[in-house]
Amino acid sequence: MGDRIPRPRVALLQLLNGAWITQALHAAAKLRLADFLATGPLTVEALAQQAGTDAQSTGRLLRVL
């Protein structure tokens, strides 16, 4: 009874969300964001500076994650 098949648009949205999250995790790993945060919390600006990225883009990435 718990084996309901999601409607096609719901299934597609789930696939897209999974792909977006996977890409966001890949970007965070490639930028080594976790390494920079290992010693404690940082502001988005400080994290972006250490990663060599744009602060606004880094903030968007963190909001996704």
N, C-alpha and C. Protein backbone atom coordinates (compact mmCIF):
# COMPACT_ATOMS: atom_id res chain seq x y z
N MET A 1 0.81 -1.19 0.00
CA MET A 1 0.00 0.00 0.00
C MET A 1 0.86 1.26 0.00
N GLY A 2 2.11 1.16 0.47
CA GLY A 2 3.00 2.31 0.45
C GLY A 2 3.79 2.40 -0.84
N ASP A 3 3.42 1.60 -1.84
CA ASP A 3 4.15 1.56 -3.10
C ASP A 3 3.51 2.43 -4.16
N ARG A 4 2.97 3.58 -3.75
CA ARG A 4 2.34 4.47 -4.71
C ARG A 4 3.37 5.01 -5.69
N ILE A 5 3.01 5.10 -6.92
CA ILE A 5 3.86 5.67 -7.95
C ILE A 5 3.55 7.16 -8.04
N PRO A 6 4.58 8.03 -7.90
CA PRO A 6 4.30 9.46 -7.96
C PRO A 6 3.85 9.89 -9.35
N ARG A 7 3.08 10.94 -9.36
CA ARG A 7 2.65 11.48 -10.65
C ARG A 7 3.88 11.91 -11.43
N PRO A 8 3.82 11.89 -12.76
CA PRO A 8 5.00 12.20 -13.57
C PRO A 8 5.65 13.54 -13.23
N ARG A 9 4.86 14.58 -13.00
CA ARG A 9 5.48 15.88 -12.71
C ARG A 9 6.16 15.89 -11.34
N VAL A 10 5.61 15.14 -10.40
CA VAL A 10 6.24 15.04 -9.08
C VAL A 10 7.55 14.26 -9.20
N ALA A 11 7.52 13.17 -9.94
CA ALA A 11 8.72 12.36 -10.14
C ALA A 11 9.81 13.18 -10.83
N LEU A 12 9.45 13.97 -11.83
CA LEU A 12 10.42 14.80 -12.53
C LEU A 12 11.01 15.84 -11.60
N LEU A 13 10.20 16.47 -10.79
CA LEU A 13 10.69 17.47 -9.86
C LEU A 13 11.64 16.85 -8.84
N GLN A 14 11.33 15.64 -8.39
CA GLN A 14 12.22 14.95 -7.46
C GLN A 14 13.57 14.66 -8.11
N LEU A 15 13.57 14.26 -9.36
CA LEU A 15 14.82 14.01 -10.08
C LEU A 15 15.63 15.28 -10.24
N LEU A 16 14.96 16.38 -10.60
CA LEU A 16 15.66 17.65 -10.77
C LEU A 16 16.24 18.14 -9.45
N ASN A 17 15.48 18.05 -8.37
CA ASN A 17 15.98 18.48 -7.07
C ASN A 17 17.20 17.66 -6.67
N GLY A 18 17.15 16.36 -6.91
CA GLY A 18 18.30 15.51 -6.61
C GLY A 18 19.52 15.91 -7.41
N ALA A 19 19.33 16.23 -8.67
CA ALA A 19 20.45 16.64 -9.52
C ALA A 19 21.02 17.97 -9.04
N TRP A 20 20.16 18.91 -8.67
CA TRP A 20 20.64 20.21 -8.19
C TRP A 20 21.44 20.06 -6.91
N ILE A 21 20.95 19.25 -5.99
CA ILE A 21 21.65 19.05 -4.73
C ILE A 21 23.00 18.37 -4.98
N THR A 22 23.02 17.39 -5.87
CA THR A 22 24.27 16.72 -6.20
C THR A 22 25.29 17.70 -6.77
N GLN A 23 24.85 18.57 -7.66
CA GLN A 23 25.76 19.56 -8.24
C GLN A 23 26.25 20.55 -7.19
N ALA A 24 25.37 20.95 -6.27
CA ALA A 24 25.76 21.88 -5.21
C ALA A 24 26.79 21.23 -4.29
N LEU A 25 26.59 19.96 -3.94
CA LEU A 25 27.57 19.26 -3.11
C LEU A 25 28.91 19.13 -3.82
N HIS A 26 28.87 18.86 -5.11
CA HIS A 26 30.10 18.76 -5.89
C HIS A 26 30.85 20.10 -5.87
N ALA A 27 30.13 21.19 -6.08
CA ALA A 27 30.76 22.51 -6.09
C ALA A 27 31.36 22.82 -4.72
N ALA A 28 30.63 22.54 -3.65
CA ALA A 28 31.15 22.81 -2.30
C ALA A 28 32.40 21.98 -2.02
N ALA A 29 32.40 20.73 -2.46
CA ALA A 29 33.58 19.87 -2.25
C ALA A 29 34.76 20.36 -3.06
N LYS A 30 34.51 20.74 -4.30
CA LYS A 30 35.60 21.22 -5.16
C LYS A 30 36.21 22.51 -4.62
N LEU A 31 35.37 23.36 -4.02
CA LEU A 31 35.85 24.61 -3.44
C LEU A 31 36.44 24.43 -2.05
N ARG A 32 36.32 23.21 -1.49
CA ARG A 32 36.85 22.87 -0.17
C ARG A 32 36.21 23.71 0.94
N LEU A 33 34.93 24.00 0.82
CA LEU A 33 34.26 24.84 1.82
C LEU A 33 34.29 24.20 3.20
N ALA A 34 34.11 22.89 3.28
CA ALA A 34 34.13 22.21 4.57
C ALA A 34 35.50 22.35 5.24
N ASP A 35 36.56 22.30 4.46
CA ASP A 35 37.91 22.47 5.02
C ASP A 35 38.06 23.83 5.67
N PHE A 36 37.55 24.86 5.01
CA PHE A 36 37.66 26.21 5.54
C PHE A 36 36.80 26.40 6.79
N LEU A 37 35.73 25.63 6.92
CA LEU A 37 34.83 25.74 8.06
C LEU A 37 35.21 24.80 9.21
N ALA A 38 36.24 23.99 9.03
CA ALA A 38 36.61 22.99 10.03
C ALA A 38 37.03 23.62 11.36
N THR A 39 37.60 24.80 11.32
CA THR A 39 38.07 25.44 12.55
C THR A 39 36.98 26.26 13.23
N GLY A 40 35.85 26.41 12.58
CA GLY A 40 34.75 27.15 13.18
C GLY A 40 33.97 27.92 12.13
N PRO A 41 32.88 28.54 12.57
CA PRO A 41 32.03 29.26 11.62
C PRO A 41 32.73 30.49 11.04
N LEU A 42 32.36 30.82 9.82
CA LEU A 42 32.86 32.01 9.13
C LEU A 42 31.67 32.75 8.53
N THR A 43 31.84 34.02 8.32
CA THR A 43 30.83 34.76 7.56
C THR A 43 30.93 34.31 6.11
N VAL A 44 29.89 34.56 5.37
CA VAL A 44 29.91 34.20 3.94
C VAL A 44 31.05 34.94 3.25
N GLU A 45 31.24 36.19 3.61
CA GLU A 45 32.31 36.99 2.99
C GLU A 45 33.68 36.39 3.27
N ALA A 46 33.93 35.99 4.53
CA ALA A 46 35.23 35.40 4.88
C ALA A 46 35.42 34.05 4.20
N LEU A 47 34.36 33.26 4.14
CA LEU A 47 34.43 31.96 3.47
C LEU A 47 34.73 32.14 1.99
N ALA A 48 34.03 33.07 1.37
CA ALA A 48 34.25 33.32 -0.06
C ALA A 48 35.67 33.81 -0.32
N GLN A 49 36.18 34.65 0.56
CA GLN A 49 37.55 35.15 0.39
C GLN A 49 38.55 34.00 0.46
N GLN A 50 38.36 33.10 1.43
CA GLN A 50 39.28 31.96 1.55
C GLN A 50 39.16 31.02 0.35
N ALA A 51 37.95 30.86 -0.16
CA ALA A 51 37.74 29.96 -1.30
C ALA A 51 38.08 30.62 -2.63
N GLY A 52 38.24 31.94 -2.62
CA GLY A 52 38.52 32.66 -3.86
C GLY A 52 37.30 32.76 -4.75
N THR A 53 36.13 32.92 -4.13
CA THR A 53 34.89 32.98 -4.88
C THR A 53 34.15 34.28 -4.59
N ASP A 54 33.10 34.53 -5.35
CA ASP A 54 32.24 35.68 -5.15
C ASP A 54 31.35 35.42 -3.93
N ALA A 55 31.23 36.41 -3.05
CA ALA A 55 30.47 36.24 -1.81
C ALA A 55 28.99 35.96 -2.07
N GLN A 56 28.39 36.66 -3.02
CA GLN A 56 26.97 36.44 -3.30
C GLN A 56 26.73 35.03 -3.84
N SER A 57 27.59 34.58 -4.72
CA SER A 57 27.45 33.23 -5.28
C SER A 57 27.66 32.18 -4.21
N THR A 58 28.63 32.41 -3.33
CA THR A 58 28.88 31.47 -2.24
C THR A 58 27.68 31.41 -1.31
N GLY A 59 27.09 32.55 -1.03
CA GLY A 59 25.89 32.59 -0.19
C GLY A 59 24.74 31.81 -0.80
N ARG A 60 24.56 31.94 -2.12
CA ARG A 60 23.49 31.18 -2.79
C ARG A 60 23.75 29.69 -2.70
N LEU A 61 25.01 29.30 -2.90
CA LEU A 61 25.37 27.89 -2.79
C LEU A 61 25.08 27.37 -1.39
N LEU A 62 25.43 28.12 -0.37
CA LEU A 62 25.19 27.69 1.00
C LEU A 62 23.70 27.59 1.30
N ARG A 63 22.90 28.50 0.76
CA ARG A 63 21.45 28.43 0.97
C ARG A 63 20.88 27.16 0.33
N VAL A 64 21.39 26.77 -0.80
CA VAL A 64 20.92 25.53 -1.45
C VAL A 64 21.24 24.33 -0.56
N LEU A 65 22.43 24.35 0.00
CA LEU A 65 22.84 23.22 0.83
C LEU A 65 22.18 23.26 2.19
